[in-house]
Amino acid sequence: GMWGFANYGLEPDIVTMGKPIGDGHPIGAVIVRPQLVSS
């Protein structure tokens, strides 16, 4: 599948990304539960 955490059946609150996301172009990302960033 796309994500390593899914192999464990985890439901993380935040997922962080870097390196392979841009095939060498500098990109990173934070994917988050909406309620965690409202405040």
Full PDB file with SEQRES, HELIX, SHEET, SSBOND, CRYST1, ORIGX, SCALE, CONECT and MASTER records, all heavy atoms in Angstrom:
SEQRES   1 A   39  GLY MET TRP GLY PHE ALA ASN TYR GLY LEU GLU PRO ASP          
SEQRES   2 A   39  ILE VAL THR MET GLY LYS PRO ILE GLY ASP GLY HIS PRO          
SEQRES   3 A   39  ILE GLY ALA VAL ILE VAL ARG PRO GLN LEU VAL SER SER          
HELIX    1 AA1 GLY A    4  TYR A    8  5                                   5    
HELIX    2 AA2 LYS A   19  GLY A   22  5                                   4    
HELIX    3 AA3 PRO A   34  VAL A   37  1                                   4    
SHEET    1 AA1 2 ILE A  14  MET A  17  0                                        
SHEET    2 AA1 2 ALA A  29  VAL A  32 -1                                        
CRYST1    1.000    1.000    1.000  90.00  90.00  90.00 P 1           1          
ORIGX1      1.000000  0.000000  0.000000        0.00000                         
ORIGX2      0.000000  1.000000  0.000000        0.00000                         
ORIGX3      0.000000  0.000000  1.000000        0.00000                         
SCALE1      1.000000  0.000000  0.000000        0.00000                         
SCALE2      0.000000  1.000000  0.000000        0.00000                         
SCALE3      0.000000  0.000000  1.000000        0.00000                         
ATOM      1  N   GLY A   1       0.852  -1.172   0.000  1.00  0.00           N  
ATOM      2  CA  GLY A   1       0.000   0.000   0.000  1.00  0.00           C  
ATOM      3  C   GLY A   1       0.890   1.224   0.000  1.00  0.00           C  
ATOM      4  O   GLY A   1       2.114   1.130  -0.078  1.00  0.00           O  
ATOM      5  N   MET A   2       0.277   2.369   0.091  1.00  0.00           N  
ATOM      6  CA  MET A   2       1.022   3.615  -0.028  1.00  0.00           C  
ATOM      7  C   MET A   2       1.834   3.951   1.221  1.00  0.00           C  
ATOM      8  O   MET A   2       2.900   4.551   1.134  1.00  0.00           O  
ATOM      9  CB  MET A   2       0.031   4.738  -0.320  1.00  0.00           C  
ATOM     10  CG  MET A   2       0.661   6.000  -0.844  1.00  0.00           C  
ATOM     11  SD  MET A   2       1.283   5.829  -2.518  1.00  0.00           S  
ATOM     12  CE  MET A   2       1.387   7.553  -2.992  1.00  0.00           C  
ATOM     13  N   TRP A   3       1.333   3.532   2.405  1.00  0.00           N  
ATOM     14  CA  TRP A   3       1.907   4.035   3.651  1.00  0.00           C  
ATOM     15  C   TRP A   3       2.326   2.911   4.577  1.00  0.00           C  
ATOM     16  O   TRP A   3       1.598   1.942   4.770  1.00  0.00           O  
ATOM     17  CB  TRP A   3       0.894   4.965   4.341  1.00  0.00           C  
ATOM     18  CG  TRP A   3       0.425   6.009   3.396  1.00  0.00           C  
ATOM     19  CD1 TRP A   3      -0.804   6.113   2.823  1.00  0.00           C  
ATOM     20  CD2 TRP A   3       1.215   7.078   2.846  1.00  0.00           C  
ATOM     21  NE1 TRP A   3      -0.847   7.178   1.968  1.00  0.00           N  
ATOM     22  CE2 TRP A   3       0.379   7.791   1.960  1.00  0.00           C  
ATOM     23  CE3 TRP A   3       2.534   7.500   3.029  1.00  0.00           C  
ATOM     24  CZ2 TRP A   3       0.828   8.910   1.256  1.00  0.00           C  
ATOM     25  CZ3 TRP A   3       2.980   8.607   2.318  1.00  0.00           C  
ATOM     26  CH2 TRP A   3       2.134   9.292   1.448  1.00  0.00           C  
ATOM     27  N   GLY A   4       3.476   3.088   5.219  1.00  0.00           N  
ATOM     28  CA  GLY A   4       4.008   2.073   6.115  1.00  0.00           C  
ATOM     29  C   GLY A   4       3.160   1.854   7.350  1.00  0.00           C  
ATOM     30  O   GLY A   4       3.015   0.714   7.818  1.00  0.00           O  
ATOM     31  N   PHE A   5       2.572   2.921   7.900  1.00  0.00           N  
ATOM     32  CA  PHE A   5       1.793   2.769   9.128  1.00  0.00           C  
ATOM     33  C   PHE A   5       0.588   1.856   8.920  1.00  0.00           C  
ATOM     34  O   PHE A   5       0.124   1.191   9.846  1.00  0.00           O  
ATOM     35  CB  PHE A   5       1.337   4.141   9.665  1.00  0.00           C  
ATOM     36  CG  PHE A   5       0.381   4.878   8.772  1.00  0.00           C  
ATOM     37  CD1 PHE A   5      -0.969   4.562   8.746  1.00  0.00           C  
ATOM     38  CD2 PHE A   5       0.828   5.913   7.957  1.00  0.00           C  
ATOM     39  CE1 PHE A   5      -1.856   5.247   7.935  1.00  0.00           C  
ATOM     40  CE2 PHE A   5      -0.052   6.605   7.133  1.00  0.00           C  
ATOM     41  CZ  PHE A   5      -1.385   6.270   7.119  1.00  0.00           C  
ATOM     42  N   ALA A   6       0.078   1.798   7.681  1.00  0.00           N  
ATOM     43  CA  ALA A   6      -1.091   0.967   7.401  1.00  0.00           C  
ATOM     44  C   ALA A   6      -0.782  -0.515   7.561  1.00  0.00           C  
ATOM     45  O   ALA A   6      -1.691  -1.319   7.820  1.00  0.00           O  
ATOM     46  CB  ALA A   6      -1.604   1.241   5.994  1.00  0.00           C  
ATOM     47  N   ASN A   7       0.482  -0.895   7.424  1.00  0.00           N  
ATOM     48  CA  ASN A   7       0.862  -2.299   7.616  1.00  0.00           C  
ATOM     49  C   ASN A   7       0.589  -2.774   9.032  1.00  0.00           C  
ATOM     50  O   ASN A   7       0.453  -3.978   9.273  1.00  0.00           O  
ATOM     51  CB  ASN A   7       2.348  -2.495   7.310  1.00  0.00           C  
ATOM     52  CG  ASN A   7       2.666  -2.294   5.841  1.00  0.00           C  
ATOM     53  OD1 ASN A   7       1.770  -2.101   5.024  1.00  0.00           O  
ATOM     54  ND2 ASN A   7       3.940  -2.326   5.497  1.00  0.00           N  
ATOM     55  N   TYR A   8       0.543  -1.830   9.967  1.00  0.00           N  
ATOM     56  CA  TYR A   8       0.293  -2.175  11.369  1.00  0.00           C  
ATOM     57  C   TYR A   8      -1.166  -1.958  11.770  1.00  0.00           C  
ATOM     58  O   TYR A   8      -1.528  -2.192  12.933  1.00  0.00           O  
ATOM     59  CB  TYR A   8       1.183  -1.333  12.287  1.00  0.00           C  
ATOM     60  CG  TYR A   8       2.655  -1.425  11.969  1.00  0.00           C  
ATOM     61  CD1 TYR A   8       3.373  -0.310  11.548  1.00  0.00           C  
ATOM     62  CD2 TYR A   8       3.339  -2.632  12.094  1.00  0.00           C  
ATOM     63  CE1 TYR A   8       4.720  -0.384  11.257  1.00  0.00           C  
ATOM     64  CE2 TYR A   8       4.689  -2.715  11.810  1.00  0.00           C  
ATOM     65  CZ  TYR A   8       5.371  -1.597  11.390  1.00  0.00           C  
ATOM     66  OH  TYR A   8       6.712  -1.683  11.096  1.00  0.00           O  
ATOM     67  N   GLY A   9      -1.976  -1.481  10.853  1.00  0.00           N  
ATOM     68  CA  GLY A   9      -3.352  -1.158  11.198  1.00  0.00           C  
ATOM     69  C   GLY A   9      -3.453   0.061  12.092  1.00  0.00           C  
ATOM     70  O   GLY A   9      -4.454   0.250  12.793  1.00  0.00           O  
ATOM     71  N   LEU A  10      -2.439   0.924  12.051  1.00  0.00           N  
ATOM     72  CA  LEU A  10      -2.444   2.131  12.877  1.00  0.00           C  
ATOM     73  C   LEU A  10      -3.294   3.220  12.238  1.00  0.00           C  
ATOM     74  O   LEU A  10      -3.388   3.309  11.004  1.00  0.00           O  
ATOM     75  CB  LEU A  10      -1.026   2.662  13.050  1.00  0.00           C  
ATOM     76  CG  LEU A  10      -0.077   1.919  13.976  1.00  0.00           C  
ATOM     77  CD1 LEU A  10       1.295   2.596  13.967  1.00  0.00           C  
ATOM     78  CD2 LEU A  10      -0.615   1.889  15.399  1.00  0.00           C  
ATOM     79  N   GLU A  11      -3.882   4.070  13.060  1.00  0.00           N  
ATOM     80  CA  GLU A  11      -4.552   5.279  12.612  1.00  0.00           C  
ATOM     81  C   GLU A  11      -3.851   6.467  13.252  1.00  0.00           C  
ATOM     82  O   GLU A  11      -4.274   6.977  14.294  1.00  0.00           O  
ATOM     83  CB  GLU A  11      -6.035   5.264  12.979  1.00  0.00           C  
ATOM     84  CG  GLU A  11      -6.855   4.284  12.155  1.00  0.00           C  
ATOM     85  CD  GLU A  11      -8.347   4.532  12.292  1.00  0.00           C  
ATOM     86  OE1 GLU A  11      -8.744   5.417  13.083  1.00  0.00           O  
ATOM     87  OE2 GLU A  11      -9.123   3.852  11.608  1.00  0.00           O  
ATOM     88  N   PRO A  12      -2.741   6.907  12.666  1.00  0.00           N  
ATOM     89  CA  PRO A  12      -1.985   8.005  13.282  1.00  0.00           C  
ATOM     90  C   PRO A  12      -2.772   9.298  13.279  1.00  0.00           C  
ATOM     91  O   PRO A  12      -3.668   9.507  12.452  1.00  0.00           O  
ATOM     92  CB  PRO A  12      -0.738   8.107  12.399  1.00  0.00           C  
ATOM     93  CG  PRO A  12      -1.164   7.543  11.086  1.00  0.00           C  
ATOM     94  CD  PRO A  12      -2.160   6.463  11.409  1.00  0.00           C  
ATOM     95  N   ASP A  13      -2.415  10.171  14.221  1.00  0.00           N  
ATOM     96  CA  ASP A  13      -3.049  11.484  14.294  1.00  0.00           C  
ATOM     97  C   ASP A  13      -2.389  12.466  13.338  1.00  0.00           C  
ATOM     98  O   ASP A  13      -3.026  13.401  12.860  1.00  0.00           O  
ATOM     99  CB  ASP A  13      -2.965  12.011  15.726  1.00  0.00           C  
ATOM    100  CG  ASP A  13      -3.589  11.047  16.719  1.00  0.00           C  
ATOM    101  OD1 ASP A  13      -4.812  10.885  16.688  1.00  0.00           O  
ATOM    102  OD2 ASP A  13      -2.831  10.425  17.503  1.00  0.00           O  
ATOM    103  N   ILE A  14      -1.096  12.244  13.100  1.00  0.00           N  
ATOM    104  CA  ILE A  14      -0.325  13.071  12.179  1.00  0.00           C  
ATOM    105  C   ILE A  14       0.575  12.142  11.370  1.00  0.00           C  
ATOM    106  O   ILE A  14       1.132  11.181  11.903  1.00  0.00           O  
ATOM    107  CB  ILE A  14       0.541  14.113  12.930  1.00  0.00           C  
ATOM    108  CG1 ILE A  14      -0.337  15.091  13.724  1.00  0.00           C  
ATOM    109  CG2 ILE A  14       1.421  14.886  11.961  1.00  0.00           C  
ATOM    110  CD1 ILE A  14       0.465  16.095  14.547  1.00  0.00           C  
ATOM    111  N   VAL A  15       0.714  12.443  10.096  1.00  0.00           N  
ATOM    112  CA  VAL A  15       1.660  11.729   9.236  1.00  0.00           C  
ATOM    113  C   VAL A  15       2.613  12.751   8.646  1.00  0.00           C  
ATOM    114  O   VAL A  15       2.182  13.796   8.152  1.00  0.00           O  
ATOM    115  CB  VAL A  15       0.934  10.974   8.102  1.00  0.00           C  
ATOM    116  CG1 VAL A  15       1.940  10.272   7.191  1.00  0.00           C  
ATOM    117  CG2 VAL A  15      -0.055   9.973   8.667  1.00  0.00           C  
ATOM    118  N   THR A  16       3.906  12.459   8.719  1.00  0.00           N  
ATOM    119  CA  THR A  16       4.906  13.368   8.150  1.00  0.00           C  
ATOM    120  C   THR A  16       5.591  12.722   6.953  1.00  0.00           C  
ATOM    121  O   THR A  16       5.778  11.505   6.916  1.00  0.00           O  
ATOM    122  CB  THR A  16       5.955  13.770   9.191  1.00  0.00           C  
ATOM    123  OG1 THR A  16       6.617  12.606   9.702  1.00  0.00           O  
ATOM    124  CG2 THR A  16       5.305  14.533  10.332  1.00  0.00           C  
ATOM    125  N   MET A  17       5.953  13.566   5.982  1.00  0.00           N  
ATOM    126  CA  MET A  17       6.523  13.082   4.725  1.00  0.00           C  
ATOM    127  C   MET A  17       7.688  13.970   4.304  1.00  0.00           C  
ATOM    128  O   MET A  17       7.724  15.151   4.613  1.00  0.00           O  
ATOM    129  CB  MET A  17       5.468  13.098   3.621  1.00  0.00           C  
ATOM    130  CG  MET A  17       4.215  12.327   3.955  1.00  0.00           C  
ATOM    131  SD  MET A  17       2.911  12.671   2.750  1.00  0.00           S  
ATOM    132  CE  MET A  17       1.541  11.820   3.542  1.00  0.00           C  
ATOM    133  N   GLY A  18       8.601  13.398   3.557  1.00  0.00           N  
ATOM    134  CA  GLY A  18       9.736  14.123   2.989  1.00  0.00           C  
ATOM    135  C   GLY A  18      10.390  13.246   1.942  1.00  0.00           C  
ATOM    136  O   GLY A  18       9.783  12.313   1.426  1.00  0.00           O  
ATOM    137  N   LYS A  19      11.630  13.502   1.631  1.00  0.00           N  
ATOM    138  CA  LYS A  19      12.440  12.755   0.655  1.00  0.00           C  
ATOM    139  C   LYS A  19      11.668  12.208  -0.553  1.00  0.00           C  
ATOM    140  O   LYS A  19      11.617  12.870  -1.582  1.00  0.00           O  
ATOM    141  CB  LYS A  19      13.218  11.647   1.361  1.00  0.00           C  
ATOM    142  CG  LYS A  19      14.363  12.144   2.230  1.00  0.00           C  
ATOM    143  CD  LYS A  19      15.198  10.989   2.747  1.00  0.00           C  
ATOM    144  CE  LYS A  19      16.412  11.472   3.513  1.00  0.00           C  
ATOM    145  NZ  LYS A  19      16.076  11.986   4.850  1.00  0.00           N  
ATOM    146  N   PRO A  20      11.043  11.012  -0.500  1.00  0.00           N  
ATOM    147  CA  PRO A  20      10.449  10.447  -1.717  1.00  0.00           C  
ATOM    148  C   PRO A  20       9.248  11.204  -2.257  1.00  0.00           C  
ATOM    149  O   PRO A  20       8.832  10.965  -3.396  1.00  0.00           O  
ATOM    150  CB  PRO A  20      10.047   9.033  -1.295  1.00  0.00           C  
ATOM    151  CG  PRO A  20       9.842   9.111   0.173  1.00  0.00           C  
ATOM    152  CD  PRO A  20      10.883  10.094   0.642  1.00  0.00           C  
ATOM    153  N   ILE A  21       8.707  12.125  -1.509  1.00  0.00           N  
ATOM    154  CA  ILE A  21       7.505  12.842  -1.924  1.00  0.00           C  
ATOM    155  C   ILE A  21       7.743  13.644  -3.204  1.00  0.00           C  
ATOM    156  O   ILE A  21       6.826  13.880  -3.982  1.00  0.00           O  
ATOM    157  CB  ILE A  21       7.015  13.756  -0.776  1.00  0.00           C  
ATOM    158  CG1 ILE A  21       5.643  14.353  -1.047  1.00  0.00           C  
ATOM    159  CG2 ILE A  21       8.014  14.845  -0.465  1.00  0.00           C  
ATOM    160  CD1 ILE A  21       5.079  15.132   0.135  1.00  0.00           C  
ATOM    161  N   GLY A  22       8.984  14.073  -3.453  1.00  0.00           N  
ATOM    162  CA  GLY A  22       9.265  14.924  -4.606  1.00  0.00           C  
ATOM    163  C   GLY A  22      10.267  14.357  -5.586  1.00  0.00           C  
ATOM    164  O   GLY A  22      10.725  15.078  -6.473  1.00  0.00           O  
ATOM    165  N   ASP A  23      10.637  13.096  -5.453  1.00  0.00           N  
ATOM    166  CA  ASP A  23      11.586  12.458  -6.381  1.00  0.00           C  
ATOM    167  C   ASP A  23      12.864  13.274  -6.542  1.00  0.00           C  
ATOM    168  O   ASP A  23      13.420  13.384  -7.635  1.00  0.00           O  
ATOM    169  CB  ASP A  23      10.930  12.231  -7.743  1.00  0.00           C  
ATOM    170  CG  ASP A  23      11.708  11.226  -8.597  1.00  0.00           C  
ATOM    171  OD1 ASP A  23      12.062  10.164  -8.079  1.00  0.00           O  
ATOM    172  OD2 ASP A  23      11.956  11.518  -9.782  1.00  0.00           O  
ATOM    173  N   GLY A  24      13.326  13.865  -5.447  1.00  0.00           N  
ATOM    174  CA  GLY A  24      14.550  14.658  -5.495  1.00  0.00           C  
ATOM    175  C   GLY A  24      14.307  16.147  -5.375  1.00  0.00           C  
ATOM    176  O   GLY A  24      15.230  16.902  -5.052  1.00  0.00           O  
ATOM    177  N   HIS A  25      13.089  16.599  -5.643  1.00  0.00           N  
ATOM    178  CA  HIS A  25      12.752  18.002  -5.435  1.00  0.00           C  
ATOM    179  C   HIS A  25      12.374  18.189  -3.969  1.00  0.00           C  
ATOM    180  O   HIS A  25      11.682  17.343  -3.396  1.00  0.00           O  
ATOM    181  CB  HIS A  25      11.580  18.406  -6.330  1.00  0.00           C  
ATOM    182  CG  HIS A  25      11.282  19.867  -6.300  1.00  0.00           C  
ATOM    183  ND1 HIS A  25      12.060  20.803  -6.935  1.00  0.00           N  
ATOM    184  CD2 HIS A  25      10.281  20.564  -5.701  1.00  0.00           C  
ATOM    185  CE1 HIS A  25      11.548  22.007  -6.741  1.00  0.00           C  
ATOM    186  NE2 HIS A  25      10.470  21.891  -5.990  1.00  0.00           N  
ATOM    187  N   PRO A  26      12.820  19.269  -3.317  1.00  0.00           N  
ATOM    188  CA  PRO A  26      12.566  19.429  -1.876  1.00  0.00           C  
ATOM    189  C   PRO A  26      11.110  19.753  -1.551  1.00  0.00           C  
ATOM    190  O   PRO A  26      10.644  20.881  -1.721  1.00  0.00           O  
ATOM    191  CB  PRO A  26      13.498  20.573  -1.473  1.00  0.00           C  
ATOM    192  CG  PRO A  26      13.746  21.327  -2.732  1.00  0.00           C  
ATOM    193  CD  PRO A  26      13.706  20.316  -3.841  1.00  0.00           C  
ATOM    194  N   ILE A  27      10.408  18.739  -1.086  1.00  0.00           N  
ATOM    195  CA  ILE A  27       9.024  18.877  -0.631  1.00  0.00           C  
ATOM    196  C   ILE A  27       8.878  18.087   0.652  1.00  0.00           C  
ATOM    197  O   ILE A  27       9.507  17.034   0.825  1.00  0.00           O  
ATOM    198  CB  ILE A  27       8.008  18.310  -1.648  1.00  0.00           C  
ATOM    199  CG1 ILE A  27       8.298  18.778  -3.069  1.00  0.00           C  
ATOM    200  CG2 ILE A  27       6.583  18.706  -1.271  1.00  0.00           C  
ATOM    201  CD1 ILE A  27       7.415  18.112  -4.114  1.00  0.00           C  
ATOM    202  N   GLY A  28       8.041  18.554   1.548  1.00  0.00           N  
ATOM    203  CA  GLY A  28       7.658  17.809   2.735  1.00  0.00           C  
ATOM    204  C   GLY A  28       6.193  18.090   3.024  1.00  0.00           C  
ATOM    205  O   GLY A  28       5.606  19.027   2.469  1.00  0.00           O  
ATOM    206  N   ALA A  29       5.600  17.282   3.887  1.00  0.00           N  
ATOM    207  CA  ALA A  29       4.186  17.498   4.199  1.00  0.00           C  
ATOM    208  C   ALA A  29       3.857  16.982   5.592  1.00  0.00           C  
ATOM    209  O   ALA A  29       4.470  16.028   6.085  1.00  0.00           O  
ATOM    210  CB  ALA A  29       3.289  16.818   3.162  1.00  0.00           C  
ATOM    211  N   VAL A  30       2.883  17.620   6.196  1.00  0.00           N  
ATOM    212  CA  VAL A  30       2.279  17.181   7.452  1.00  0.00           C  
ATOM    213  C   VAL A  30       0.804  16.971   7.173  1.00  0.00           C  
ATOM    214  O   VAL A  30       0.100  17.897   6.762  1.00  0.00           O  
ATOM    215  CB  VAL A  30       2.473  18.224   8.572  1.00  0.00           C  
ATOM    216  CG1 VAL A  30       1.742  17.793   9.834  1.00  0.00           C  
ATOM    217  CG2 VAL A  30       3.953  18.441   8.861  1.00  0.00           C  
ATOM    218  N   ILE A  31       0.333  15.756   7.391  1.00  0.00           N  
ATOM    219  CA  ILE A  31      -1.077  15.426   7.197  1.00  0.00           C  
ATOM    220  C   ILE A  31      -1.663  15.180   8.590  1.00  0.00           C  
ATOM    221  O   ILE A  31      -1.118  14.395   9.372  1.00  0.00           O  
ATOM    222  CB  ILE A  31      -1.243  14.170   6.317  1.00  0.00           C  
ATOM    223  CG1 ILE A  31      -0.378  14.282   5.048  1.00  0.00           C  
ATOM    224  CG2 ILE A  31      -2.698  13.964   5.972  1.00  0.00           C  
ATOM    225  CD1 ILE A  31      -0.728  15.419   4.134  1.00  0.00           C  
ATOM    226  N   VAL A  32      -2.780  15.815   8.893  1.00  0.00           N  
ATOM    227  CA  VAL A  32      -3.195  15.892  10.295  1.00  0.00           C  
ATOM    228  C   VAL A  32      -4.714  15.800  10.440  1.00  0.00           C  
ATOM    229  O   VAL A  32      -5.484  16.180   9.545  1.00  0.00           O  
ATOM    230  CB  VAL A  32      -2.650  17.218  10.894  1.00  0.00           C  
ATOM    231  CG1 VAL A  32      -3.198  18.419  10.142  1.00  0.00           C  
ATOM    232  CG2 VAL A  32      -2.920  17.334  12.378  1.00  0.00           C  
ATOM    233  N   ARG A  33      -5.134  15.270  11.595  1.00  0.00           N  
ATOM    234  CA  ARG A  33      -6.549  15.338  11.967  1.00  0.00           C  
ATOM    235  C   ARG A  33      -6.952  16.811  12.079  1.00  0.00           C  
ATOM    236  O   ARG A  33      -6.285  17.590  12.776  1.00  0.00           O  
ATOM    237  CB  ARG A  33      -6.778  14.677  13.323  1.00  0.00           C  
ATOM    238  CG  ARG A  33      -6.643  13.161  13.355  1.00  0.00           C  
ATOM    239  CD  ARG A  33      -6.965  12.653  14.757  1.00  0.00           C  
ATOM    240  NE  ARG A  33      -6.710  11.238  14.919  1.00  0.00           N  
ATOM    241  CZ  ARG A  33      -7.610  10.273  14.707  1.00  0.00           C  
ATOM    242  NH1 ARG A  33      -8.831  10.603  14.332  1.00  0.00           N  
ATOM    243  NH2 ARG A  33      -7.301   9.010  14.898  1.00  0.00           N  
ATOM    244  N   PRO A  34      -8.037  17.230  11.448  1.00  0.00           N  
ATOM    245  CA  PRO A  34      -8.417  18.648  11.474  1.00  0.00           C  
ATOM    246  C   PRO A  34      -8.553  19.236  12.874  1.00  0.00           C  
ATOM    247  O   PRO A  34      -8.181  20.388  13.112  1.00  0.00           O  
ATOM    248  CB  PRO A  34      -9.755  18.653  10.727  1.00  0.00           C  
ATOM    249  CG  PRO A  34      -9.654  17.506   9.770  1.00  0.00           C  
ATOM    250  CD  PRO A  34      -8.892  16.449  10.528  1.00  0.00           C  
ATOM    251  N   GLN A  35      -9.089  18.444  13.822  1.00  0.00           N  
ATOM    252  CA  GLN A  35      -9.311  19.006  15.156  1.00  0.00           C  
ATOM    253  C   GLN A  35      -8.012  19.371  15.869  1.00  0.00           C  
ATOM    254  O   GLN A  35      -8.013  20.198  16.786  1.00  0.00           O  
ATOM    255  CB  GLN A  35     -10.139  18.040  16.018  1.00  0.00           C  
ATOM    256  CG  GLN A  35      -9.552  16.656  16.207  1.00  0.00           C  
ATOM    257  CD  GLN A  35     -10.058  15.662  15.181  1.00  0.00           C  
ATOM    258  OE1 GLN A  35     -10.223  16.010  14.008  1.00  0.00           O  
ATOM    259  NE2 GLN A  35     -10.316  14.431  15.621  1.00  0.00           N  
ATOM    260  N   LEU A  36      -6.895  18.789  15.444  1.00  0.00           N  
ATOM    261  CA  LEU A  36      -5.623  19.085  16.110  1.00  0.00           C  
ATOM    262  C   LEU A  36      -5.082  20.452  15.722  1.00  0.00           C  
ATOM    263  O   LEU A  36      -4.260  21.025  16.449  1.00  0.00           O  
ATOM    264  CB  LEU A  36      -4.578  18.013  15.782  1.00  0.00           C  
ATOM    265  CG  LEU A  36      -4.837  16.610  16.306  1.00  0.00           C  
ATOM    266  CD1 LEU A  36      -3.680  15.690  15.949  1.00  0.00           C  
ATOM    267  CD2 LEU A  36      -5.055  16.614  17.815  1.00  0.00           C  
ATOM    268  N   VAL A  37      -5.494  20.963  14.570  1.00  0.00           N  
ATOM    269  CA  VAL A  37      -4.939  22.245  14.133  1.00  0.00           C  
ATOM    270  C   VAL A  37      -5.943  23.395  14.206  1.00  0.00           C  
ATOM    271  O   VAL A  37      -5.609  24.514  13.837  1.00  0.00           O  
ATOM    272  CB  VAL A  37      -4.377  22.152  12.691  1.00  0.00           C  
ATOM    273  CG1 VAL A  37      -3.101  21.358  12.680  1.00  0.00           C  
ATOM    274  CG2 VAL A  37      -5.389  21.594  11.726  1.00  0.00           C  
ATOM    275  N   SER A  38      -7.143  23.142  14.685  1.00  0.00           N  
ATOM    276  CA  SER A  38      -8.124  24.230  14.758  1.00  0.00           C  
ATOM    277  C   SER A  38      -7.632  25.317  15.713  1.00  0.00           C  
ATOM    278  O   SER A  38      -7.632  26.511  15.373  1.00  0.00           O  
ATOM    279  CB  SER A  38      -9.487  23.697  15.193  1.00  0.00           C  
ATOM    280  OG  SER A  38      -9.389  23.026  16.434  1.00  0.00           O  
ATOM    281  N   SER A  39      -7.179  24.926  16.898  1.00  0.00           N  
ATOM    282  CA  SER A  39      -6.652  25.896  17.854  1.00  0.00           C  
ATOM    283  C   SER A  39      -5.271  26.384  17.446  1.00  0.00           C  
ATOM    284  O   SER A  39      -4.955  27.575  17.538  1.00  0.00           O  
ATOM    285  CB  SER A  39      -6.594  25.269  19.253  1.00  0.00           C  
ATOM    286  OG  SER A  39      -5.960  26.130  20.166  1.00  0.00           O  
TER     287      SER A  39                                                      
MASTER        0    0    0    3    2    0    0    6  286    1    0    3          
END                                                                             
